[in-house]
Protein backbone atom coordinates (compact mmCIF):
# COMPACT_ATOMS: atom_id res chain seq x y z
CA MET A 1 -16.12 18.29 56.10
CA ALA A 2 -18.54 19.94 53.74
CA TYR A 3 -16.26 22.87 53.13
CA ALA A 4 -13.62 20.36 52.29
CA LYS A 5 -15.45 18.13 49.90
CA HIS A 6 -17.04 21.29 48.09
CA ARG A 7 -13.25 22.62 47.76
CA GLN A 8 -12.19 19.64 46.55
CA SER A 9 -14.91 19.37 44.00
CA HIS A 10 -13.30 23.02 42.71
CA LYS A 11 -10.44 21.52 42.28
CA LYS A 12 -11.32 18.76 40.17
CA GLU A 13 -13.18 21.19 37.78
CA LEU A 14 -10.39 23.25 37.57
CA TYR A 15 -7.97 20.34 36.79
CA TYR A 16 -10.99 19.05 34.50
CA ILE A 17 -11.36 22.64 32.54
CA LEU A 18 -7.28 22.90 32.32
CA CYS A 19 -6.86 19.52 30.61
CA ILE A 20 -9.97 20.27 28.40
CA VAL A 21 -7.99 23.98 27.41
CA ALA A 22 -4.75 22.28 26.52
CA VAL A 23 -5.93 19.31 24.66
CA THR A 24 -8.43 21.89 22.85
CA LEU A 25 -5.30 23.93 22.03
CA VAL A 26 -3.17 21.30 21.02
CA LEU A 27 -5.46 20.01 18.37
CA SER A 28 -6.30 23.44 17.16
CA PHE A 29 -2.02 24.32 16.75
CA SER A 30 -2.09 20.87 14.93
CA LEU A 31 -4.89 21.47 12.83
CA PHE A 32 -4.19 25.17 12.15
CA GLY A 33 -0.37 25.96 13.08
CA PRO A 34 2.38 26.05 11.12
CA GLY A 35 2.94 22.49 9.49
CA GLY A 36 -0.41 21.50 9.85
CA TYR A 37 -2.77 19.77 8.49
CA ARG A 38 -3.82 22.80 6.23
CA ASP A 39 -0.17 23.43 5.17
CA LEU A 40 -0.11 19.96 4.66
CA ARG A 41 -3.37 20.30 2.16
CA ARG A 42 -2.03 23.10 0.72
CA ALA A 43 1.36 21.30 0.45
CA ARG A 44 -0.16 18.42 -1.34
CA PHE A 45 -1.95 20.26 -3.63
CA GLU A 46 1.19 22.64 -4.55
CA LEU A 47 2.67 18.67 -5.07
CA GLU A 48 0.11 17.79 -7.59
CA LEU A 49 -0.03 20.49 -9.44
CA GLN A 50 4.15 20.48 -9.82
CA ARG A 51 3.86 16.65 -11.03
CA ALA A 52 1.52 17.89 -13.38
CA ARG A 53 3.66 20.36 -14.97
CA VAL A 54 6.68 18.01 -14.66
CA GLU A 55 4.63 15.46 -16.94
CA GLU A 56 3.53 17.87 -19.48
CA LEU A 57 7.49 19.12 -19.91
CA GLU A 58 7.92 15.59 -20.22
CA ARG A 59 6.01 14.98 -22.82
CA GLY A 60 6.74 17.87 -24.92
CA ASN A 61 10.95 16.87 -24.15
CA GLN A 62 10.08 13.39 -25.81
CA GLN A 63 7.89 15.11 -28.79
CA ARG A 64 11.21 17.34 -29.18
CA MET A 65 13.79 14.39 -29.14
CA GLN A 66 11.88 12.15 -31.68
CA SER A 67 12.04 15.21 -33.71
CA ILE A 68 15.50 15.38 -33.15
CA GLU A 69 15.80 11.93 -33.96
CA ALA A 70 13.70 12.19 -37.16
CA LEU A 71 15.31 15.28 -38.43
CA ARG A 72 18.87 13.28 -38.03
CA SER A 73 17.66 10.26 -39.50
CA ASP A 74 15.28 10.81 -42.25
CA ARG A 75 15.96 12.80 -45.09
CA GLU A 76 12.34 14.25 -45.96
CA ALA A 77 11.96 15.42 -42.48
CA LEU A 78 15.15 17.30 -42.71
CA GLU A 79 13.67 18.66 -46.23
CA SER A 80 10.56 19.03 -44.90
CA TYR A 81 12.07 21.44 -41.63
CA ALA A 82 14.26 23.37 -44.10
CA ARG A 83 11.28 24.18 -46.32
CA GLN A 84 9.15 25.33 -43.11
CA LYS A 85 11.85 27.68 -42.39
CA GLY A 86 12.03 29.05 -45.81
CA TYR A 87 15.26 26.97 -47.67
CA GLY A 88 14.70 25.55 -50.87
CA LYS A 89 17.45 23.35 -53.44
CA GLU A 90 19.79 24.96 -55.24
CA GLY A 91 17.77 26.17 -58.16
CA GLU A 92 14.27 26.55 -57.22
CA ILE A 93 12.17 30.10 -56.68
CA ILE A 94 10.46 30.41 -54.09
CA HIS A 95 7.48 32.60 -53.56
CA HIS A 96 6.60 34.02 -50.13
CA LEU A 97 2.93 35.25 -50.01
CA PRO A 98 2.25 37.47 -47.65
CA GLY A 99 0.09 35.75 -44.45
CA GLN A 100 1.75 32.55 -44.99
């Protein structure tokens, strides 16, 4: 009888060990495996970087659209832009100095 009880105790211990190993494997796979917690953190970080880049590009586009609208509607802005590009009014003499 003592032998049967001792043998059953070993089966219980083996069952518990296998359960612990299985739970440990599942947890480690969910943390470090593909699609796990580390991948999720990396994806969130990359998403934040992309969002910041998109916001920066949207601000740049908005500034360019404002500049385009100013060139379409404001004569002085158009003349100022043309002078920056080296153009002038008819009859004007334009001097190009080195370093400018």
